[in-house]
Protein backbone atom coordinates (compact mmCIF):
# COMPACT_ATOMS: atom_id res chain seq x y z
CA MET A 1 -7.89 -9.25 18.58
CA LEU A 2 -9.69 -10.99 21.37
CA ALA A 3 -12.41 -10.68 19.10
CA TYR A 4 -11.45 -12.20 15.93
CA GLN A 5 -9.73 -15.06 17.63
CA ALA A 6 -13.04 -15.69 19.89
CA ARG A 7 -14.88 -16.50 17.12
CA PRO A 8 -15.99 -20.58 16.61
CA LEU A 9 -15.31 -23.16 14.52
CA ASP A 10 -18.60 -23.91 12.09
CA PRO A 11 -19.62 -27.06 13.74
CA ASN A 12 -21.23 -27.86 10.09
CA THR A 13 -17.98 -28.04 8.67
CA VAL A 14 -15.54 -29.28 11.24
CA GLY A 15 -18.27 -31.57 12.80
CA GLU A 16 -18.17 -32.37 16.53
CA SER A 17 -15.14 -31.90 17.19
CA TRP A 18 -15.81 -27.88 17.14
CA ARG A 19 -16.87 -27.10 20.47
CA GLY A 20 -13.83 -28.60 22.58
CA SER A 21 -11.48 -26.82 20.08
CA TRP A 22 -12.98 -23.64 20.60
CA LEU A 23 -13.34 -23.57 24.25
CA LYS A 24 -9.46 -24.51 24.23
CA ARG A 25 -8.67 -22.04 22.32
CA LEU A 26 -10.61 -19.45 24.49
CA ASN A 27 -8.84 -20.45 27.41
CA GLU A 28 -5.18 -20.56 25.97
CA MET A 29 -5.21 -17.45 24.52
CA PRO A 30 -3.67 -14.63 26.09
CA LEU A 31 -4.09 -11.23 26.60
CA TRP A 32 -2.47 -9.44 23.41
CA PRO A 33 -1.51 -6.47 24.52
CA ALA A 34 0.08 -7.94 27.66
CA ASN A 35 2.23 -9.91 25.53
CA TRP A 36 3.56 -7.24 23.79
CA MET A 37 3.96 -4.41 26.45
CA GLU A 38 6.65 -7.53 28.23
CA HIS A 39 8.82 -6.45 25.41
CA GLN A 40 9.05 -2.61 24.80
CA THR A 41 12.45 -3.06 23.73
CA ARG A 42 13.87 -4.49 20.25
CA ASP A 43 14.25 -8.16 21.83
CA GLU A 44 14.19 -11.59 20.37
CA TYR A 45 10.34 -11.66 20.56
CA TRP A 46 10.24 -9.16 17.58
CA LYS A 47 13.45 -9.71 16.40
CA HIS A 48 12.11 -13.40 15.00
CA GLY A 49 9.46 -12.38 12.21
CA SER A 50 12.09 -9.27 11.25
CA VAL A 51 13.31 -10.10 7.72
CA CYS A 52 16.14 -7.50 8.78
CA GLU A 53 17.94 -8.90 10.65
CA ASN A 54 19.37 -11.07 8.02
CA TYR A 55 17.79 -10.38 4.81
CA SER A 56 20.50 -12.60 2.48
CA ASP A 57 17.11 -15.53 4.13
CA ILE A 58 15.47 -14.03 1.14
CA GLN A 59 15.84 -16.50 -2.06
CA VAL A 60 13.04 -15.57 -3.90
CA PRO A 61 12.50 -13.05 -6.56
CA VAL A 62 10.39 -10.17 -4.63
CA LEU A 63 7.28 -7.88 -6.04
CA ALA A 64 6.31 -5.97 -2.66
CA ILE A 65 3.91 -3.30 -3.16
CA ASP A 66 1.53 -0.49 -0.67
CA GLY A 67 0.42 2.69 -0.72
CA TRP A 68 0.67 5.63 1.38
CA ALA A 69 -2.54 5.81 3.50
CA ASP A 70 -1.00 2.40 5.18
CA SER A 71 0.59 1.72 7.68
CA TYR A 72 3.52 -0.21 6.79
CA ILE A 73 4.21 2.23 3.85
CA ASN A 74 8.92 1.95 5.29
CA PRO A 75 9.77 -1.64 5.23
CA VAL A 76 9.13 -1.86 0.88
CA PHE A 77 12.08 1.25 0.14
CA ARG A 78 14.69 -1.20 2.90
CA ILE A 79 13.59 -4.40 1.27
CA LEU A 80 15.10 -3.40 -2.26
CA GLU A 81 17.72 -1.94 -0.79
CA ASN A 82 18.75 -4.34 1.07
CA LEU A 83 17.96 -7.96 -0.59
CA SER A 84 20.72 -9.45 -3.43
CA VAL A 85 17.41 -11.07 -5.18
CA PRO A 86 15.64 -9.93 -8.39
CA CYS A 87 13.08 -7.62 -6.69
CA ARG A 88 11.06 -4.63 -7.49
CA ALA A 89 7.66 -2.09 -6.01
CA ILE A 90 5.23 -0.45 -5.98
CA MET A 91 3.85 2.31 -4.08
CA GLY A 92 0.79 3.43 -4.56
CA PRO A 93 -2.03 6.17 -2.79
CA TRP A 94 -3.73 3.24 -1.36
CA ALA A 95 -4.74 1.88 2.57
CA HIS A 96 -4.42 -0.39 3.92
CA VAL A 97 -6.39 -2.68 1.27
CA TYR A 98 -5.30 -4.25 -2.07
CA ALA A 99 -5.00 -1.48 -4.58
CA HIS A 100 -7.41 -3.39 -6.72
CA ASP A 101 -10.26 -2.06 -4.22
CA GLY A 102 -8.20 1.43 -4.73
CA THR A 103 -8.57 3.47 -1.42
CA PRO A 104 -7.84 5.88 -2.14
CA ALA A 105 -8.48 5.96 -5.48
CA PRO A 106 -6.84 4.84 -8.43
CA ALA A 107 -6.65 1.39 -7.81
CA MET A 108 -5.02 -0.22 -10.03
CA ASN A 109 -4.86 -4.42 -11.55
CA PHE A 110 -2.83 -5.79 -8.69
CA LEU A 111 -3.68 -9.51 -9.56
CA GLY A 112 -2.91 -8.64 -12.73
CA GLU A 113 0.77 -7.41 -11.77
CA ALA A 114 0.95 -10.32 -9.42
CA VAL A 115 0.31 -13.22 -12.04
CA ARG A 116 2.32 -11.80 -14.91
CA TRP A 117 5.13 -11.88 -12.10
CA TRP A 118 4.71 -15.56 -10.79
CA ASP A 119 4.31 -16.44 -14.10
CA TYR A 120 7.65 -14.73 -14.66
CA TRP A 121 8.91 -16.76 -12.12
CA LEU A 122 7.10 -20.00 -11.72
CA LYS A 123 6.25 -20.60 -15.34
CA GLY A 124 8.84 -19.14 -16.94
CA ILE A 125 7.08 -17.27 -19.39
CA ASP A 126 8.85 -14.24 -20.67
CA ASN A 127 6.36 -11.38 -20.22
CA SER A 128 9.29 -8.56 -20.24
CA VAL A 129 8.11 -7.72 -16.23
CA MET A 130 12.00 -7.11 -15.34
CA ASP A 131 12.05 -4.85 -18.10
CA GLU A 132 10.07 -2.15 -16.03
CA PRO A 133 11.33 -0.16 -13.86
CA LYS A 134 11.97 -1.02 -10.43
CA ILE A 135 10.23 1.27 -8.50
CA MET A 136 7.20 2.41 -9.80
CA ALA A 137 5.47 5.61 -7.32
CA TRP A 138 3.06 7.84 -6.58
CA ILE A 139 3.00 11.18 -6.01
CA GLU A 140 0.30 12.99 -3.94
CA ASP A 141 -0.55 16.31 -5.30
CA SER A 142 -0.82 19.48 -2.55
CA MET A 143 -4.33 18.63 -1.65
CA PRO A 144 -7.33 20.35 0.87
CA PRO A 145 -6.76 18.58 3.91
CA SER A 146 -9.70 16.16 5.25
CA SER A 147 -10.44 13.43 7.50
CA THR A 148 -11.85 11.82 4.30
CA LYS A 149 -10.01 11.14 0.83
CA PRO A 150 -11.85 8.98 -1.39
CA VAL A 151 -9.38 10.08 -4.27
CA SER A 152 -4.73 11.02 -4.20
CA GLU A 153 -4.42 13.11 -7.17
CA GLY A 154 -1.21 12.44 -7.89
CA ARG A 155 0.78 11.00 -10.77
CA TRP A 156 3.45 8.07 -11.28
CA VAL A 157 6.91 8.62 -11.19
CA ASN A 158 10.52 5.80 -11.50
CA LEU A 159 13.07 4.92 -10.27
CA GLU A 160 15.67 2.64 -11.50
CA GLY A 161 16.63 1.39 -7.88
CA TRP A 162 16.91 2.33 -3.83
CA PRO A 163 18.98 4.83 -3.44
CA SER A 164 18.53 6.50 -6.51
CA LYS A 165 20.78 9.27 -8.26
CA ASP A 166 16.72 10.90 -8.91
CA ILE A 167 16.39 11.30 -5.42
CA LYS A 168 18.92 14.91 -4.04
CA ALA A 169 18.92 15.96 -0.41
CA LYS A 170 17.45 19.28 0.42
CA ASN A 171 18.43 20.41 3.55
CA TYR A 172 16.72 23.37 5.19
CA ALA A 173 18.21 24.96 8.64
CA LEU A 174 15.74 26.47 11.82
CA ALA A 175 16.09 29.65 13.09
CA LYS A 176 12.98 30.28 15.43
CA GLY A 177 9.86 30.24 13.28
CA LYS A 178 11.44 29.07 10.02
CA LEU A 179 12.84 26.95 7.83
CA THR A 180 16.44 28.37 5.99
CA CYS A 181 18.37 27.55 2.68
CA GLU A 182 21.76 28.22 5.24
CA LYS A 183 22.19 28.45 9.43
CA GLN A 184 21.89 31.75 10.60
CA GLY A 185 25.60 31.04 12.48
CA GLY A 186 25.47 31.66 16.33
CA SER A 187 24.35 29.88 19.22
CA GLU A 188 20.07 29.87 19.21
CA GLU A 189 18.16 27.83 21.80
CA VAL A 190 14.40 27.36 22.16
CA VAL A 191 12.14 24.86 25.39
CA LEU A 192 9.91 23.20 23.43
CA LYS A 193 6.77 21.22 25.84
CA THR A 194 3.84 20.54 24.32
CA PRO A 195 0.44 20.41 25.54
CA LEU A 196 -0.27 16.60 26.12
CA ASN A 197 -3.26 16.52 24.20
CA HIS A 198 -0.92 17.69 20.70
CA GLY A 199 -2.09 15.06 18.44
CA LEU A 200 -6.12 15.79 18.77
CA LEU A 201 -5.91 15.55 15.17
CA SER A 202 -4.02 12.19 14.15
CA GLY A 203 -6.10 10.58 12.49
CA GLU A 204 -5.72 6.65 12.06
CA TRP A 205 -2.19 4.82 12.46
CA MET A 206 -3.61 2.69 9.75
CA GLY A 207 -5.73 3.45 7.39
CA ALA A 208 -8.04 0.75 6.43
CA GLY A 209 -10.47 3.51 3.37
CA VAL A 210 -13.01 4.24 5.93
CA PRO A 211 -14.37 7.82 6.10
CA GLY A 212 -13.11 9.45 8.92
CA GLU A 213 -9.13 8.45 9.57
CA THR A 214 -7.19 10.66 7.25
CA PRO A 215 -5.73 13.57 9.02
CA PRO A 216 -8.04 16.39 8.48
CA ASP A 217 -6.52 20.69 8.89
CA GLN A 218 -2.99 20.31 11.22
CA ARG A 219 -3.69 24.49 12.25
CA ILE A 220 -4.98 23.15 15.68
CA ASP A 221 -2.29 20.76 16.15
CA ASN A 222 0.34 23.05 14.88
CA GLY A 223 -1.28 25.52 17.14
CA MET A 224 0.16 23.58 20.02
CA SER A 225 2.96 22.70 18.54
CA MET A 226 6.57 24.91 17.63
CA VAL A 227 6.81 25.45 13.94
CA PHE A 228 9.16 26.49 11.72
CA ASP A 229 8.10 27.57 7.64
CA SER A 230 9.54 28.11 4.26
CA GLU A 231 9.06 30.14 2.49
CA PRO A 232 7.01 30.18 -0.18
CA LEU A 233 8.26 28.13 -2.95
CA SER A 234 8.87 29.94 -6.13
CA GLU A 235 7.94 26.04 -8.21
CA PRO A 236 6.68 22.76 -7.02
CA LEU A 237 9.10 20.51 -4.56
CA ASN A 238 8.86 17.01 -5.16
CA ILE A 239 9.77 14.60 -2.67
CA LEU A 240 10.40 10.66 -2.52
CA GLY A 241 11.84 8.81 0.64
CA TYR A 242 11.96 9.16 3.93
CA PRO A 243 12.41 12.97 5.62
CA TYR A 244 14.67 13.29 7.67
CA PHE A 245 15.90 15.87 10.75
CA GLU A 246 18.51 15.66 13.23
CA VAL A 247 19.16 18.38 16.51
CA GLU A 248 21.39 18.47 19.41
CA LEU A 249 19.00 18.83 22.34
CA SER A 250 19.38 18.61 26.23
CA SER A 251 15.79 17.16 28.40
CA ASP A 252 14.89 18.44 32.58
CA LYS A 253 13.41 14.54 32.49
CA PRO A 254 14.91 10.89 32.26
CA ASN A 255 12.24 9.82 29.79
CA ALA A 256 11.23 12.49 26.70
CA MET A 257 9.41 12.13 22.90
CA LEU A 258 10.38 14.50 19.73
CA PHE A 259 7.74 13.77 17.17
CA ALA A 260 8.54 16.35 13.97
CA SER A 261 6.29 16.25 10.85
CA LEU A 262 6.50 17.13 7.62
CA VAL A 263 3.39 19.87 6.20
CA ASP A 264 2.25 20.93 3.12
CA VAL A 265 1.08 24.98 4.43
CA ALA A 266 -1.52 26.47 1.30
CA PRO A 267 -1.26 30.22 0.57
CA ASP A 268 -4.36 29.91 3.05
CA GLY A 269 -3.37 28.64 6.37
CA ALA A 270 -5.00 25.39 5.05
CA ALA A 271 -2.17 22.49 6.76
CA GLU A 272 -1.93 19.05 5.36
CA ARG A 273 0.41 16.70 6.64
CA VAL A 274 2.78 14.54 4.40
CA SER A 275 4.52 11.88 6.63
CA TYR A 276 5.52 12.49 10.74
CA GLY A 277 8.10 10.90 12.75
CA VAL A 278 8.85 9.94 16.59
CA MET A 279 11.82 8.89 18.01
CA ASN A 280 11.79 7.84 22.09
CA LEU A 281 15.46 9.88 23.27
CA THR A 282 15.74 6.84 25.85
CA HIS A 283 16.12 4.85 22.53
CA LEU A 284 18.68 7.07 20.71
CA GLU A 285 21.74 4.25 20.88
CA GLY A 286 19.04 1.50 19.53
CA HIS A 287 15.55 0.39 20.10
CA ASP A 288 17.06 -3.00 21.76
CA LYS A 289 17.94 -0.98 24.89
CA VAL A 290 16.99 2.07 26.91
CA VAL A 291 19.68 4.39 28.11
CA TYR A 292 17.62 7.20 30.01
CA LEU A 293 18.35 11.03 29.23
CA GLU A 294 21.04 12.63 32.26
CA PRO A 295 18.93 16.11 32.37
CA GLY A 296 20.38 19.26 31.33
CA LYS A 297 23.23 17.57 29.57
CA LYS A 298 23.35 17.56 25.87
CA ALA A 299 22.44 14.90 23.70
CA LYS A 300 22.36 14.44 19.44
CA ALA A 301 18.45 13.55 18.75
CA TYR A 302 17.08 12.27 15.08
CA VAL A 303 13.36 11.54 13.95
CA LYS A 304 13.65 10.17 10.56
CA LEU A 305 10.28 10.14 9.14
CA ASP A 306 7.65 7.82 7.54
CA CYS A 307 8.46 7.31 3.61
CA CYS A 308 6.45 9.55 1.97
CA GLY A 309 5.64 11.03 -1.78
CA HIS A 310 4.36 14.10 -2.57
CA LYS A 311 3.99 17.04 -4.41
CA PHE A 312 3.59 20.71 -2.86
CA ALA A 313 2.52 23.26 -5.07
CA LYS A 314 3.92 26.48 -6.11
CA GLY A 315 2.97 29.17 -3.73
CA HIS A 316 2.77 26.51 -0.68
CA LYS A 317 5.16 26.06 2.66
CA VAL A 318 7.18 23.76 3.70
CA ARG A 319 6.57 23.30 7.48
CA LEU A 320 8.33 21.22 10.19
CA SER A 321 6.42 20.58 13.22
CA LEU A 322 7.98 19.95 16.67
CA ALA A 323 6.49 18.33 19.88
CA THR A 324 7.26 16.04 23.26
CA SER A 325 3.65 14.39 23.36
CA TYR A 326 1.20 12.55 20.00
CA TRP A 327 -1.73 12.15 21.64
CA PRO A 328 -3.90 9.76 21.66
CA MET A 329 -1.71 7.65 19.10
CA PHE A 330 0.91 7.91 21.40
CA TRP A 331 0.95 7.21 25.61
CA PRO A 332 2.18 10.25 27.39
CA MET A 333 5.70 10.48 28.68
CA PRO A 334 5.47 9.36 33.03
CA GLU A 335 6.15 12.99 33.16
CA GLU A 336 5.83 16.03 30.59
CA ALA A 337 9.38 16.89 30.33
CA ALA A 338 10.54 19.72 28.63
CA LEU A 339 13.97 19.92 25.74
CA THR A 340 15.43 22.73 25.25
CA ILE A 341 17.16 22.12 21.33
CA ASP A 342 19.59 24.31 19.69
CA LEU A 343 18.36 25.21 16.62
CA ASN A 344 21.96 25.92 14.75
CA SER A 345 23.01 22.50 15.47
CA ALA A 346 19.73 21.68 13.81
CA GLU A 347 18.87 19.90 9.97
CA PHE A 348 15.85 19.20 8.49
CA THR A 349 16.31 16.75 5.14
CA LEU A 350 14.39 16.37 2.50
CA PRO A 351 14.18 13.93 -0.28
CA ASN A 352 13.75 15.60 -3.81
CA TYR A 353 12.46 13.45 -6.37
CA VAL A 354 14.10 15.29 -9.55
CA GLY A 355 13.61 12.39 -12.04
CA SER A 356 10.83 12.25 -15.01
CA ASP A 357 6.75 11.15 -15.08
CA ASN A 358 7.26 7.67 -17.62
CA LYS A 359 5.37 4.15 -16.94
CA GLU A 360 2.87 3.80 -14.85
CA PRO A 361 1.52 0.10 -13.86
CA ASP A 362 -1.47 -1.21 -14.82
CA MET A 363 -5.14 0.81 -13.93
CA GLN A 364 -7.43 -1.34 -15.33
CA PRO A 365 -8.37 -3.29 -12.20
CA LYS A 366 -9.99 -6.85 -12.45
CA SER A 367 -11.10 -9.58 -9.84
CA ALA A 368 -12.61 -12.22 -9.05
CA GLY A 369 -16.46 -12.62 -7.98
CA LYS A 370 -17.44 -11.59 -4.56
CA THR A 371 -17.77 -13.60 -2.28
CA PRO A 372 -21.72 -13.75 -1.90
CA VAL A 373 -23.05 -11.42 0.88
CA THR A 374 -26.25 -10.19 2.12
CA TRP A 375 -26.28 -7.37 4.23
CA MET A 376 -28.53 -7.12 7.16
CA SER A 377 -27.95 -4.28 8.26
CA GLU A 378 -25.97 -1.26 7.87
CA GLY A 379 -23.00 -0.04 9.71
CA TYR A 380 -21.21 2.76 10.97
CA VAL A 381 -17.96 4.62 12.30
CA ASP A 382 -18.44 7.32 14.67
CA ARG A 383 -15.72 9.91 15.18
CA MET A 384 -15.79 12.36 18.35
CA ILE A 385 -13.35 14.75 20.53
CA SER A 386 -14.30 16.19 23.38
CA TYR A 387 -13.84 18.15 25.83
CA ASP A 388 -14.07 19.43 29.62
CA ILE A 389 -13.36 23.00 30.28
CA LEU A 390 -13.65 22.08 33.80
CA THR A 391 -11.37 19.65 34.23
CA ASP A 392 -9.23 20.42 31.64
CA THR A 393 -10.16 16.63 30.27
CA TRP A 394 -10.10 15.31 25.77
CA THR A 395 -11.87 12.54 25.52
CA CYS A 396 -11.69 10.30 21.47
CA ILE A 397 -14.23 7.76 21.13
CA THR A 398 -13.83 6.19 17.89
CA ASN A 399 -17.60 3.85 17.32
CA GLY A 400 -18.08 1.12 15.18
CA VAL A 401 -21.38 -0.32 15.01
CA GLY A 402 -22.80 -3.21 13.49
CA GLY A 403 -18.42 -3.29 11.39
CA VAL A 404 -15.79 -2.94 13.01
CA PHE A 405 -14.77 -0.63 9.63
CA GLY A 406 -18.55 0.16 9.77
CA GLU A 407 -19.60 -2.04 6.82
CA GLY A 408 -22.61 -3.56 8.55
CA VAL A 409 -23.97 -6.45 9.65
CA TYR A 410 -24.32 -9.19 6.92
CA ARG A 411 -24.23 -13.12 6.23
CA PHE A 412 -21.77 -14.91 3.98
CA ASP A 413 -25.04 -16.96 2.05
CA ASP A 414 -23.16 -20.12 0.80
CA ILE A 415 -22.64 -21.15 4.71
CA ASP A 416 -25.20 -19.21 6.48
CA ILE A 417 -23.06 -17.10 8.89
CA THR A 418 -23.46 -13.97 9.93
CA VAL A 419 -21.52 -11.43 11.17
CA GLU A 420 -21.93 -8.70 13.80
CA HIS A 421 -18.52 -7.21 15.51
CA ASN A 422 -18.70 -3.85 17.34
CA LEU A 423 -16.02 -1.90 18.49
CA LYS A 424 -15.55 1.00 20.56
CA ARG A 425 -12.20 2.60 21.80
CA GLU A 426 -12.36 5.32 23.93
CA LEU A 427 -9.52 7.39 25.30
CA THR A 428 -9.17 9.98 27.82
CA LEU A 429 -6.59 12.53 29.26
CA CYS A 430 -5.91 15.41 31.55
CA ASN A 431 -3.98 17.85 29.98
CA ARG A 432 -2.47 18.76 33.97
CA ASP A 433 -1.19 14.80 34.17
CA PRO A 434 0.06 12.57 31.98
CA LEU A 435 -0.92 9.39 34.29
CA SER A 436 -4.01 10.29 33.63
CA ALA A 437 -4.44 8.46 30.54
CA LYS A 438 -6.91 5.82 30.23
CA TYR A 439 -8.16 3.59 27.10
CA THR A 440 -10.42 1.47 27.25
CA ILE A 441 -11.75 -1.05 24.21
CA THR A 442 -15.64 -2.52 24.60
CA GLN A 443 -16.48 -5.32 21.51
CA ASN A 444 -19.17 -7.44 20.73
CA MET A 445 -18.35 -10.47 18.75
CA ARG A 446 -21.14 -11.90 17.50
CA LEU A 447 -21.15 -14.94 14.59
CA GLY A 448 -23.84 -17.55 13.63
CA ARG A 449 -27.28 -18.49 12.30
CA GLU A 450 -30.90 -19.79 13.11
CA GLY A 451 -30.29 -22.38 16.23
CA TRP A 452 -26.82 -21.99 16.85
CA TRP A 453 -25.73 -18.64 18.27
CA THR A 454 -22.15 -17.02 19.43
CA ASN A 455 -21.63 -13.89 21.49
CA SER A 456 -18.64 -12.51 23.12
CA ASP A 457 -18.55 -9.49 25.00
CA ILE A 458 -14.87 -8.07 25.88
CA THR A 459 -14.15 -4.52 27.93
CA ILE A 460 -10.24 -4.29 27.97
CA THR A 461 -8.35 -0.23 29.94
CA LYS A 462 -5.41 0.11 30.18
CA THR A 463 -4.03 2.68 32.88
CA SER A 464 0.11 3.26 33.94
CA ASP A 465 1.38 5.49 37.09
CA MET A 466 5.14 6.40 37.10
CA GLU A 467 6.63 2.83 37.21
CA ASN A 468 3.80 0.20 35.88
CA PHE A 469 1.09 0.11 33.06
CA TYR A 470 -1.48 -1.93 33.99
CA ILE A 471 -4.17 -3.64 32.02
CA THR A 472 -7.86 -5.83 32.92
CA GLY A 473 -10.48 -6.67 31.05
CA GLU A 474 -12.55 -9.68 31.05
CA MET A 475 -14.39 -11.50 28.58
CA THR A 476 -17.44 -13.35 28.54
CA THR A 477 -19.02 -15.73 25.93
CA THR A 478 -22.48 -17.72 25.23
CA GLU A 479 -23.64 -20.14 22.62
CA ASN A 480 -27.06 -19.59 22.35
CA ASP A 481 -26.93 -16.94 25.70
CA LYS A 482 -25.68 -19.77 27.50
CA THR A 483 -22.51 -18.93 28.83
CA VAL A 484 -19.64 -21.35 27.80
CA PHE A 485 -16.44 -19.38 28.71
CA ALA A 486 -15.62 -16.50 31.54
CA LYS A 487 -11.93 -14.97 32.18
CA LYS A 488 -10.83 -12.09 33.69
CA TRP A 489 -7.33 -10.19 33.34
CA ASP A 490 -5.39 -7.58 35.86
CA TYR A 491 -2.06 -7.40 34.56
CA LYS A 492 0.99 -5.30 35.71
CA VAL A 493 3.98 -4.33 33.91
CA LYS A 494 6.85 -2.24 34.35
CA ARG A 495 7.02 0.24 32.68
CA ASN A 496 11.10 -0.05 30.55
CA GLY A 497 11.74 3.91 28.58
CA LEU A 498 7.75 4.63 27.51
């Protein structure tokens, strides 16, 4: 975001005022990560933009569209459950891209569906859009896990609303290493404490349709976690909705994290992550407050996993994977916690879809002509994980060259503007010390045309100790190779249950 906001106004568009407005923005621009870290619980900073604070504020009909590979999937079904206005939803397989671009494929006619919605509600055209299913959702088939997923295999299903009569709870109990249909009885406790580097193969939090961002085979991560497997399925199992895990546990530290993932295990052992969730256990009484755990005292804990649609094939196993860390996606707690889990109290609930296949959206995507662009050079994204055996230290690097998503350097032909955005993320962590975690992001944003070039170099580093987070960095911006702006940051933010 610092790089995006560092881009200048175009003097050919706004005239001589461009430089003054640009420098004013650079000078007043906050350090976004520090802003967010000042609000580590759900306070007014977050509430003011959240529709869930008052769903009745929404007084217009709503068409909600998203995809399973995006990071914003959870609100879609919640919106349908809570809005009182007419609404529909389409949940496809896509990443954080428009559905007519269709990554992963198949694409749909997003613009056509949107125009039909607006024709009905804004123009009064009777096109039967409200006679269609309230929810059209894509259920993905079991697929071999891969870090690159250009196509999602699956099918469309329909729901009359949310909650739906076509979703039946399928409950699993836990025994050592097993998901069972019935509780075993008695008392059985296990201690959960995973290596700090569990989560190396998490993939990206937000999919953008870029190679390398999908979680690959989870056997390495699952080998560091505590897993519970069902028997091989005698028939396919379809799920649609939110998996949910609850358990009684105690911690030996006041801060702790509980991670849970749902995994599809093929007969050859390949492990495909279907959904996951994480719970900061100091938030068990609500995300608006921090209540530290009392070491050794039992507490009722839960993890609500991300909404998903998936078909487990016959002969596959359902796996629940539990852990106390998920790095580099989540920052480590200040101390390594060991959780004592009461297996007899544990329950894992899957939203079993029992309906039939039906109507699908328009799957013939159309769009307007693209903006005229000339590609000046190719880009690429490297993703690497390395391990220092002597220091027990892991390093994860994402390096986007030419474009932050590997798209390359390009020129908007109509206005003769060339854009180049390079970004490198480097995260390191020593398994011996959660306080060793370090994250450095280095960016370069170059934008302009012949005779007028602007360039911003930005480096931000985050570290922490037992009490605080630290964010340091600097930005230098030039116009035609002459420095016009420079700034340094040095923030300390007190940890609050994180």
